[in-house]
Amino acid sequence: MNDKKFLPPIIFALIIILSFGWYRFIYEPARREILNMELETRRLRQIEQEILLLKTRHENLSAFLEEKESQLDDANNFLPPSFAQEKFIDQIYQVADSRNVKIISVRAGEITSSENLQSQIITVKLSGDYISLLNFIREILDGGRLAALDKISVENSSCDLHFKIFAVNH
């Protein structure tokens, strides 16, 4: 008789333990997996919408891709992997000729490095009229590579310019 007295609490405890085990080890992991799938589905739908939007904006995706590759090439030329000072100095001479500016001297300075970037000062001594000098500076700074005017000093009809050119640090 004593055995029958403990049977209902044991059955109740087993039902509670089985319910907890089912919830903890079957229901909850399945629910998490469903939520993850829903999030992934939303993300894929957003990507699909972005692709469709790109297709509507740019009917010819091949031409769009070629244009972006060209822009990437231009960006790589803007910040070259090496200084190529000779190209920059050639550009200085070409611009000086086109802007009626006389170059007195050109000198390359020390190379300085930071984490991802190298820089070098190129000092140019010029002579010419004010407008020609301004046009010369503008054309160099608007040129095909990254160059900054670091320092300028003007005396009478001559001008010292310190251009800082950059390259990617390897």
N, C-alpha and C. Protein backbone atom coordinates (compact mmCIF):
# COMPACT_ATOMS: atom_id res chain seq x y z
N MET A 1 0.78 -1.20 0.00
CA MET A 1 0.00 0.00 0.00
C MET A 1 0.82 1.27 0.00
N ASN A 2 1.93 1.21 0.67
CA ASN A 2 2.79 2.38 0.72
C ASN A 2 3.32 2.75 -0.66
N ASP A 3 3.52 1.76 -1.52
CA ASP A 3 4.04 2.02 -2.86
C ASP A 3 3.04 2.83 -3.68
N LYS A 4 1.76 2.57 -3.52
CA LYS A 4 0.75 3.28 -4.30
C LYS A 4 0.62 4.74 -3.85
N LYS A 5 0.99 5.02 -2.65
CA LYS A 5 0.91 6.36 -2.11
C LYS A 5 1.94 7.29 -2.78
N PHE A 6 3.13 6.76 -3.17
CA PHE A 6 4.18 7.58 -3.79
C PHE A 6 4.08 7.64 -5.31
N LEU A 7 3.21 6.83 -5.88
CA LEU A 7 3.09 6.78 -7.34
C LEU A 7 2.65 8.12 -7.96
N PRO A 8 1.63 8.82 -7.50
CA PRO A 8 1.25 10.10 -8.11
C PRO A 8 2.35 11.17 -8.03
N PRO A 9 3.06 11.35 -6.90
CA PRO A 9 4.12 12.36 -6.91
C PRO A 9 5.28 11.99 -7.85
N ILE A 10 5.57 10.69 -7.95
CA ILE A 10 6.64 10.27 -8.86
C ILE A 10 6.24 10.55 -10.29
N ILE A 11 5.01 10.23 -10.64
CA ILE A 11 4.51 10.49 -12.00
C ILE A 11 4.53 12.00 -12.26
N PHE A 12 4.08 12.77 -11.30
CA PHE A 12 4.09 14.23 -11.46
C PHE A 12 5.51 14.75 -11.64
N ALA A 13 6.47 14.25 -10.84
CA ALA A 13 7.87 14.67 -10.95
C ALA A 13 8.44 14.26 -12.30
N LEU A 14 8.12 13.07 -12.78
CA LEU A 14 8.58 12.63 -14.10
C LEU A 14 8.01 13.52 -15.21
N ILE A 15 6.76 13.88 -15.09
CA ILE A 15 6.14 14.75 -16.09
C ILE A 15 6.84 16.12 -16.09
N ILE A 16 7.14 16.64 -14.92
CA ILE A 16 7.83 17.94 -14.83
C ILE A 16 9.23 17.82 -15.43
N ILE A 17 9.97 16.79 -15.07
CA ILE A 17 11.34 16.60 -15.59
C ILE A 17 11.33 16.41 -17.09
N LEU A 18 10.41 15.58 -17.60
CA LEU A 18 10.31 15.37 -19.05
C LEU A 18 9.91 16.67 -19.76
N SER A 19 8.99 17.42 -19.16
CA SER A 19 8.59 18.70 -19.78
C SER A 19 9.76 19.67 -19.82
N PHE A 20 10.49 19.77 -18.71
CA PHE A 20 11.66 20.64 -18.67
C PHE A 20 12.71 20.19 -19.68
N GLY A 21 13.00 18.89 -19.75
CA GLY A 21 13.98 18.36 -20.71
C GLY A 21 13.55 18.62 -22.14
N TRP A 22 12.26 18.41 -22.43
CA TRP A 22 11.77 18.66 -23.79
C TRP A 22 11.93 20.15 -24.14
N TYR A 23 11.55 21.02 -23.19
CA TYR A 23 11.66 22.46 -23.45
C TYR A 23 13.12 22.87 -23.62
N ARG A 24 13.97 22.41 -22.73
CA ARG A 24 15.38 22.83 -22.71
C ARG A 24 16.20 22.26 -23.87
N PHE A 25 15.97 20.99 -24.19
CA PHE A 25 16.84 20.33 -25.16
C PHE A 25 16.23 20.12 -26.53
N ILE A 26 14.94 20.32 -26.69
CA ILE A 26 14.32 20.14 -28.00
C ILE A 26 13.68 21.44 -28.48
N TYR A 27 12.73 21.99 -27.70
CA TYR A 27 11.98 23.16 -28.13
C TYR A 27 12.86 24.41 -28.28
N GLU A 28 13.65 24.73 -27.24
CA GLU A 28 14.46 25.95 -27.25
C GLU A 28 15.51 25.94 -28.36
N PRO A 29 16.30 24.86 -28.57
CA PRO A 29 17.25 24.85 -29.70
C PRO A 29 16.55 24.97 -31.06
N ALA A 30 15.41 24.32 -31.21
CA ALA A 30 14.68 24.41 -32.47
C ALA A 30 14.19 25.84 -32.70
N ARG A 31 13.71 26.48 -31.64
CA ARG A 31 13.24 27.87 -31.76
C ARG A 31 14.40 28.80 -32.13
N ARG A 32 15.58 28.61 -31.51
CA ARG A 32 16.75 29.41 -31.87
C ARG A 32 17.14 29.21 -33.33
N GLU A 33 17.10 27.98 -33.78
CA GLU A 33 17.45 27.69 -35.17
C GLU A 33 16.46 28.34 -36.13
N ILE A 34 15.19 28.35 -35.79
CA ILE A 34 14.18 28.99 -36.62
C ILE A 34 14.42 30.51 -36.67
N LEU A 35 14.74 31.11 -35.53
CA LEU A 35 15.04 32.55 -35.50
C LEU A 35 16.26 32.88 -36.34
N ASN A 36 17.29 32.06 -36.25
CA ASN A 36 18.49 32.27 -37.07
C ASN A 36 18.16 32.16 -38.55
N MET A 37 17.33 31.20 -38.91
CA MET A 37 16.94 31.05 -40.32
C MET A 37 16.13 32.26 -40.79
N GLU A 38 15.25 32.76 -39.93
CA GLU A 38 14.48 33.95 -40.29
C GLU A 38 15.39 35.16 -40.50
N LEU A 39 16.37 35.33 -39.62
CA LEU A 39 17.32 36.45 -39.78
C LEU A 39 18.12 36.30 -41.06
N GLU A 40 18.59 35.10 -41.34
CA GLU A 40 19.36 34.86 -42.57
C GLU A 40 18.49 35.10 -43.79
N THR A 41 17.23 34.69 -43.73
CA THR A 41 16.31 34.92 -44.85
C THR A 41 16.11 36.41 -45.08
N ARG A 42 15.94 37.18 -43.99
CA ARG A 42 15.81 38.64 -44.13
C ARG A 42 17.04 39.26 -44.76
N ARG A 43 18.22 38.81 -44.29
CA ARG A 43 19.48 39.34 -44.83
C ARG A 43 19.61 39.03 -46.31
N LEU A 44 19.26 37.81 -46.70
CA LEU A 44 19.33 37.44 -48.11
C LEU A 44 18.32 38.22 -48.95
N ARG A 45 17.14 38.48 -48.39
CA ARG A 45 16.15 39.30 -49.11
C ARG A 45 16.65 40.73 -49.29
N GLN A 46 17.33 41.28 -48.27
CA GLN A 46 17.89 42.62 -48.40
C GLN A 46 18.96 42.65 -49.48
N ILE A 47 19.81 41.64 -49.51
CA ILE A 47 20.85 41.57 -50.55
C ILE A 47 20.19 41.46 -51.92
N GLU A 48 19.15 40.64 -52.02
CA GLU A 48 18.43 40.49 -53.29
C GLU A 48 17.83 41.83 -53.72
N GLN A 49 17.27 42.58 -52.78
CA GLN A 49 16.70 43.89 -53.11
C GLN A 49 17.79 44.86 -53.57
N GLU A 50 18.96 44.81 -52.90
CA GLU A 50 20.06 45.68 -53.31
C GLU A 50 20.53 45.33 -54.72
N ILE A 51 20.59 44.05 -55.04
CA ILE A 51 21.00 43.63 -56.38
C ILE A 51 19.98 44.09 -57.41
N LEU A 52 18.70 43.92 -57.10
CA LEU A 52 17.65 44.38 -58.03
C LEU A 52 17.71 45.89 -58.21
N LEU A 53 17.96 46.61 -57.12
CA LEU A 53 18.08 48.07 -57.20
C LEU A 53 19.27 48.45 -58.08
N LEU A 54 20.40 47.75 -57.90
CA LEU A 54 21.57 47.99 -58.75
C LEU A 54 21.24 47.72 -60.21
N LYS A 55 20.52 46.64 -60.47
CA LYS A 55 20.16 46.30 -61.86
C LYS A 55 19.26 47.37 -62.47
N THR A 56 18.34 47.91 -61.67
CA THR A 56 17.45 48.94 -62.22
C THR A 56 18.19 50.25 -62.45
N ARG A 57 19.14 50.56 -61.55
CA ARG A 57 19.93 51.79 -61.72
C ARG A 57 20.89 51.68 -62.89
N HIS A 58 21.48 50.53 -63.04
CA HIS A 58 22.51 50.31 -64.05
C HIS A 58 22.09 49.13 -64.92
N GLU A 59 21.49 49.46 -66.04
CA GLU A 59 20.96 48.41 -66.91
C GLU A 59 22.05 47.43 -67.34
N ASN A 60 23.23 47.96 -67.65
CA ASN A 60 24.32 47.10 -68.08
C ASN A 60 25.32 46.96 -66.93
N LEU A 61 25.20 45.87 -66.18
CA LEU A 61 26.06 45.68 -65.01
C LEU A 61 27.52 45.50 -65.41
N SER A 62 27.78 44.96 -66.60
CA SER A 62 29.17 44.78 -67.04
C SER A 62 29.84 46.14 -67.22
N ALA A 63 29.14 47.06 -67.84
CA ALA A 63 29.70 48.41 -68.03
C ALA A 63 29.89 49.09 -66.68
N PHE A 64 28.95 48.89 -65.76
CA PHE A 64 29.06 49.46 -64.42
C PHE A 64 30.28 48.89 -63.70
N LEU A 65 30.49 47.59 -63.82
CA LEU A 65 31.64 46.94 -63.19
C LEU A 65 32.95 47.46 -63.79
N GLU A 66 33.00 47.62 -65.11
CA GLU A 66 34.20 48.16 -65.76
C GLU A 66 34.48 49.58 -65.27
N GLU A 67 33.43 50.38 -65.11
CA GLU A 67 33.59 51.75 -64.63
C GLU A 67 34.15 51.75 -63.21
N LYS A 68 33.63 50.88 -62.35
CA LYS A 68 34.12 50.81 -60.97
C LYS A 68 35.56 50.31 -60.94
N GLU A 69 35.94 49.38 -61.79
CA GLU A 69 37.33 48.92 -61.86
C GLU A 69 38.24 50.04 -62.32
N SER A 70 37.76 50.84 -63.26
CA SER A 70 38.53 52.00 -63.72
C SER A 70 38.73 53.01 -62.59
N GLN A 71 37.68 53.23 -61.80
CA GLN A 71 37.79 54.14 -60.66
C GLN A 71 38.76 53.60 -59.63
N LEU A 72 38.77 52.27 -59.44
CA LEU A 72 39.72 51.65 -58.52
C LEU A 72 41.15 51.82 -59.02
N ASP A 73 41.36 51.66 -60.33
CA ASP A 73 42.68 51.88 -60.90
C ASP A 73 43.13 53.33 -60.69
N ASP A 74 42.20 54.26 -60.90
CA ASP A 74 42.52 55.68 -60.68
C ASP A 74 42.90 55.92 -59.22
N ALA A 75 42.18 55.29 -58.31
CA ALA A 75 42.48 55.45 -56.89
C ALA A 75 43.85 54.87 -56.57
N ASN A 76 44.19 53.73 -57.17
CA ASN A 76 45.51 53.14 -56.94
C ASN A 76 46.61 54.03 -57.49
N ASN A 77 46.36 54.70 -58.60
CA ASN A 77 47.34 55.64 -59.15
C ASN A 77 47.45 56.89 -58.28
N PHE A 78 46.36 57.27 -57.66
CA PHE A 78 46.33 58.45 -56.80
C PHE A 78 47.26 58.26 -55.60
N LEU A 79 47.32 57.05 -55.08
CA LEU A 79 48.21 56.71 -53.97
C LEU A 79 49.02 55.49 -54.39
N PRO A 80 50.12 55.72 -55.11
CA PRO A 80 50.87 54.60 -55.69
C PRO A 80 51.59 53.76 -54.63
N PRO A 81 51.98 52.54 -55.01
CA PRO A 81 52.70 51.68 -54.07
C PRO A 81 54.15 52.10 -53.88
N SER A 82 54.67 52.91 -54.79
CA SER A 82 56.02 53.45 -54.63
C SER A 82 55.95 54.95 -54.97
N PHE A 83 56.96 55.68 -54.56
CA PHE A 83 56.91 57.13 -54.76
C PHE A 83 56.93 57.54 -56.23
N ALA A 84 57.72 56.88 -57.03
CA ALA A 84 57.88 57.25 -58.43
C ALA A 84 58.13 58.75 -58.54
N GLN A 85 59.16 59.21 -57.80
CA GLN A 85 59.49 60.64 -57.78
C GLN A 85 59.76 61.16 -59.17
N GLU A 86 60.38 60.32 -60.01
CA GLU A 86 60.70 60.79 -61.36
C GLU A 86 59.45 61.17 -62.13
N LYS A 87 58.35 60.44 -61.95
CA LYS A 87 57.10 60.79 -62.63
C LYS A 87 56.57 62.11 -62.09
N PHE A 88 56.64 62.27 -60.77
CA PHE A 88 56.16 63.51 -60.16
C PHE A 88 57.00 64.70 -60.62
N ILE A 89 58.31 64.50 -60.66
CA ILE A 89 59.20 65.58 -61.10
C ILE A 89 58.99 65.88 -62.58
N ASP A 90 58.76 64.85 -63.39
CA ASP A 90 58.42 65.08 -64.81
C ASP A 90 57.14 65.90 -64.91
N GLN A 91 56.16 65.57 -64.08
CA GLN A 91 54.92 66.33 -64.08
C GLN A 91 55.19 67.79 -63.71
N ILE A 92 56.06 68.02 -62.74
CA ILE A 92 56.41 69.39 -62.34
C ILE A 92 56.99 70.15 -63.53
N TYR A 93 57.91 69.54 -64.25
CA TYR A 93 58.52 70.20 -65.42
C TYR A 93 57.49 70.46 -66.52
N GLN A 94 56.59 69.50 -66.77
CA GLN A 94 55.58 69.68 -67.81
C GLN A 94 54.62 70.81 -67.45
N VAL A 95 54.20 70.84 -66.20
CA VAL A 95 53.28 71.90 -65.78
C VAL A 95 53.98 73.25 -65.80
N ALA A 96 55.24 73.28 -65.41
CA ALA A 96 56.00 74.54 -65.45
C ALA A 96 56.07 75.07 -66.87
N ASP A 97 56.31 74.19 -67.84
CA ASP A 97 56.35 74.62 -69.24
C ASP A 97 55.00 75.17 -69.68
N SER A 98 53.92 74.47 -69.31
CA SER A 98 52.60 74.91 -69.77
C SER A 98 52.13 76.17 -69.06
N ARG A 99 52.64 76.47 -67.87
CA ARG A 99 52.20 77.63 -67.10
C ARG A 99 53.19 78.79 -67.12
N ASN A 100 54.19 78.71 -67.97
CA ASN A 100 55.19 79.78 -68.11
C ASN A 100 55.88 80.10 -66.78
N VAL A 101 56.30 79.04 -66.10
CA VAL A 101 57.02 79.18 -64.84
C VAL A 101 58.39 78.58 -65.06
N LYS A 102 59.42 79.25 -64.52
CA LYS A 102 60.79 78.77 -64.68
C LYS A 102 61.21 78.03 -63.41
N ILE A 103 61.68 76.80 -63.59
CA ILE A 103 62.15 76.01 -62.45
C ILE A 103 63.62 76.33 -62.23
N ILE A 104 63.94 76.71 -61.01
CA ILE A 104 65.33 77.00 -60.63
C ILE A 104 65.98 75.74 -60.09
N SER A 105 65.26 75.01 -59.21
CA SER A 105 65.80 73.76 -58.68
C SER A 105 64.68 72.86 -58.19
N VAL A 106 64.98 71.55 -58.18
CA VAL A 106 64.07 70.54 -57.64
C VAL A 106 64.91 69.61 -56.78
N ARG A 107 64.42 69.35 -55.56
CA ARG A 107 65.18 68.50 -54.65
C ARG A 107 64.22 67.59 -53.89
N ALA A 108 64.58 66.29 -53.83
CA ALA A 108 63.77 65.32 -53.08
C ALA A 108 64.34 65.19 -51.68
N GLY A 109 63.45 65.20 -50.69
CA GLY A 109 63.87 65.11 -49.30
C GLY A 109 63.81 63.69 -48.75
N GLU A 110 63.91 63.59 -47.44
CA GLU A 110 63.89 62.30 -46.75
C GLU A 110 62.50 61.67 -46.83
N ILE A 111 62.48 60.36 -46.78
CA ILE A 111 61.22 59.61 -46.76
C ILE A 111 60.85 59.35 -45.30
N THR A 112 59.60 59.67 -44.96
CA THR A 112 59.11 59.38 -43.61
C THR A 112 57.98 58.35 -43.73
N SER A 113 57.89 57.48 -42.73
CA SER A 113 56.89 56.42 -42.76
C SER A 113 55.99 56.49 -41.54
N SER A 114 54.74 56.17 -41.77
CA SER A 114 53.80 55.97 -40.67
C SER A 114 53.27 54.54 -40.81
N GLU A 115 52.19 54.25 -40.17
CA GLU A 115 51.67 52.87 -40.14
C GLU A 115 51.40 52.33 -41.55
N ASN A 116 50.61 53.03 -42.35
CA ASN A 116 50.24 52.54 -43.68
C ASN A 116 50.68 53.45 -44.81
N LEU A 117 51.40 54.50 -44.49
CA LEU A 117 51.68 55.53 -45.47
C LEU A 117 53.12 55.99 -45.37
N GLN A 118 53.70 56.27 -46.53
CA GLN A 118 55.01 56.89 -46.59
C GLN A 118 54.83 58.26 -47.22
N SER A 119 55.67 59.19 -46.82
CA SER A 119 55.61 60.52 -47.44
C SER A 119 57.02 61.01 -47.70
N GLN A 120 57.11 61.92 -48.65
CA GLN A 120 58.39 62.52 -49.00
C GLN A 120 58.15 63.95 -49.43
N ILE A 121 59.04 64.83 -49.01
CA ILE A 121 58.95 66.24 -49.40
C ILE A 121 59.77 66.45 -50.67
N ILE A 122 59.16 67.07 -51.67
CA ILE A 122 59.84 67.49 -52.89
C ILE A 122 59.85 69.02 -52.86
N THR A 123 61.04 69.60 -52.82
CA THR A 123 61.19 71.05 -52.76
C THR A 123 61.45 71.58 -54.16
N VAL A 124 60.64 72.54 -54.57
CA VAL A 124 60.76 73.13 -55.91
C VAL A 124 60.95 74.63 -55.74
N LYS A 125 62.00 75.16 -56.37
CA LYS A 125 62.24 76.61 -56.38
C LYS A 125 61.87 77.09 -57.78
N LEU A 126 60.97 78.08 -57.84
CA LEU A 126 60.41 78.56 -59.10
C LEU A 126 60.53 80.07 -59.19
N SER A 127 60.40 80.54 -60.42
CA SER A 127 60.23 81.98 -60.61
C SER A 127 59.17 82.18 -61.69
N GLY A 128 58.40 83.23 -61.52
CA GLY A 128 57.34 83.54 -62.47
C GLY A 128 56.40 84.55 -61.86
N ASP A 129 55.41 84.97 -62.65
CA ASP A 129 54.45 85.94 -62.11
C ASP A 129 53.44 85.23 -61.20
N TYR A 130 52.75 86.03 -60.42
CA TYR A 130 51.87 85.52 -59.37
C TYR A 130 50.81 84.57 -59.91
N ILE A 131 50.11 84.95 -60.95
CA ILE A 131 49.04 84.14 -61.51
C ILE A 131 49.59 82.82 -62.05
N SER A 132 50.74 82.88 -62.74
CA SER A 132 51.35 81.66 -63.27
C SER A 132 51.74 80.71 -62.14
N LEU A 133 52.27 81.27 -61.04
CA LEU A 133 52.62 80.43 -59.89
C LEU A 133 51.38 79.79 -59.27
N LEU A 134 50.31 80.56 -59.13
CA LEU A 134 49.06 80.00 -58.59
C LEU A 134 48.51 78.89 -59.49
N ASN A 135 48.52 79.13 -60.80
CA ASN A 135 48.04 78.12 -61.74
C ASN A 135 48.91 76.86 -61.69
N PHE A 136 50.22 77.06 -61.54
CA PHE A 136 51.14 75.94 -61.42
C PHE A 136 50.79 75.10 -60.18
N ILE A 137 50.63 75.76 -59.05
CA ILE A 137 50.31 75.05 -57.79
C ILE A 137 48.99 74.31 -57.93
N ARG A 138 47.98 74.97 -58.46
CA ARG A 138 46.66 74.36 -58.61
C ARG A 138 46.73 73.13 -59.50
N GLU A 139 47.45 73.21 -60.59
CA GLU A 139 47.53 72.07 -61.51
C GLU A 139 48.28 70.90 -60.90
N ILE A 140 49.32 71.16 -60.13
CA ILE A 140 50.04 70.07 -59.45
C ILE A 140 49.14 69.41 -58.42
N LEU A 141 48.44 70.21 -57.63
CA LEU A 141 47.58 69.65 -56.58
C LEU A 141 46.37 68.92 -57.15
N ASP A 142 45.89 69.35 -58.31
CA ASP A 142 44.76 68.68 -58.95
C ASP A 142 45.21 67.56 -59.88
N GLY A 143 46.50 67.27 -59.88
CA GLY A 143 47.05 66.26 -60.78
C GLY A 143 46.58 64.86 -60.46
N GLY A 144 47.21 63.88 -61.11
CA GLY A 144 46.77 62.50 -61.03
C GLY A 144 47.20 61.75 -59.80
N ARG A 145 47.93 62.35 -58.89
CA ARG A 145 48.33 61.63 -57.68
C ARG A 145 48.17 62.52 -56.46
N LEU A 146 48.20 61.90 -55.31
CA LEU A 146 48.01 62.63 -54.07
C LEU A 146 49.28 63.42 -53.75
N ALA A 147 49.13 64.72 -53.71
CA ALA A 147 50.23 65.62 -53.35
C ALA A 147 49.62 66.75 -52.52
N ALA A 148 50.35 67.15 -51.50
CA ALA A 148 49.87 68.23 -50.64
C ALA A 148 50.93 69.33 -50.62
N LEU A 149 50.48 70.55 -50.56
CA LEU A 149 51.41 71.67 -50.44
C LEU A 149 51.72 71.83 -48.96
N ASP A 150 52.95 71.45 -48.60
CA ASP A 150 53.36 71.43 -47.20
C ASP A 150 53.81 72.80 -46.71
N LYS A 151 54.53 73.52 -47.56
CA LYS A 151 55.07 74.82 -47.16
C LYS A 151 55.29 75.66 -48.41
N ILE A 152 55.13 76.96 -48.25
CA ILE A 152 55.37 77.88 -49.36
C ILE A 152 56.06 79.12 -48.80
N SER A 153 57.06 79.57 -49.54
CA SER A 153 57.69 80.85 -49.16
C SER A 153 57.98 81.62 -50.44
N VAL A 154 57.68 82.91 -50.42
CA VAL A 154 57.82 83.76 -51.60
C VAL A 154 58.77 84.90 -51.27
N GLU A 155 59.75 85.10 -52.16
CA GLU A 155 60.67 86.23 -52.04
C GLU A 155 60.81 86.85 -53.42
N ASN A 156 60.47 88.12 -53.52
CA ASN A 156 60.54 88.85 -54.80
C ASN A 156 59.84 88.06 -55.89
N SER A 157 60.57 87.59 -56.89
CA SER A 157 59.92 86.88 -57.99
C SER A 157 60.18 85.37 -57.93
N SER A 158 60.78 84.90 -56.83
CA SER A 158 61.00 83.45 -56.70
C SER A 158 60.12 82.88 -55.60
N CYS A 159 59.88 81.60 -55.70
CA CYS A 159 58.97 80.93 -54.78
C CYS A 159 59.54 79.55 -54.45
N ASP A 160 59.55 79.21 -53.17
CA ASP A 160 59.94 77.87 -52.73
C ASP A 160 58.67 77.13 -52.33
N LEU A 161 58.45 75.98 -52.95
CA LEU A 161 57.29 75.15 -52.65
C LEU A 161 57.77 73.82 -52.10
N HIS A 162 57.13 73.35 -51.06
CA HIS A 162 57.44 72.04 -50.50
C HIS A 162 56.19 71.18 -50.69
N PHE A 163 56.24 70.29 -51.67
CA PHE A 163 55.15 69.37 -51.92
C PHE A 163 55.42 68.09 -51.15
N LYS A 164 54.38 67.56 -50.53
CA LYS A 164 54.52 66.27 -49.86
C LYS A 164 53.79 65.25 -50.74
N ILE A 165 54.52 64.24 -51.19
CA ILE A 165 53.91 63.18 -52.00
C ILE A 165 53.82 61.93 -51.12
N PHE A 166 52.89 61.06 -51.46
CA PHE A 166 52.60 59.90 -50.62
C PHE A 166 52.65 58.60 -51.42
N ALA A 167 52.91 57.53 -50.69
CA ALA A 167 52.87 56.18 -51.26
C ALA A 167 52.40 55.23 -50.17
N VAL A 168 51.89 54.08 -50.59
CA VAL A 168 51.43 53.07 -49.65
C VAL A 168 52.64 52.42 -49.01
N ASN A 169 52.60 52.26 -47.70
CA ASN A 169 53.69 51.62 -46.96
C ASN A 169 53.49 50.11 -47.02
N HIS A 170 54.49 49.40 -47.46
CA HIS A 170 54.36 47.93 -47.57
C HIS A 170 54.74 47.26 -46.30
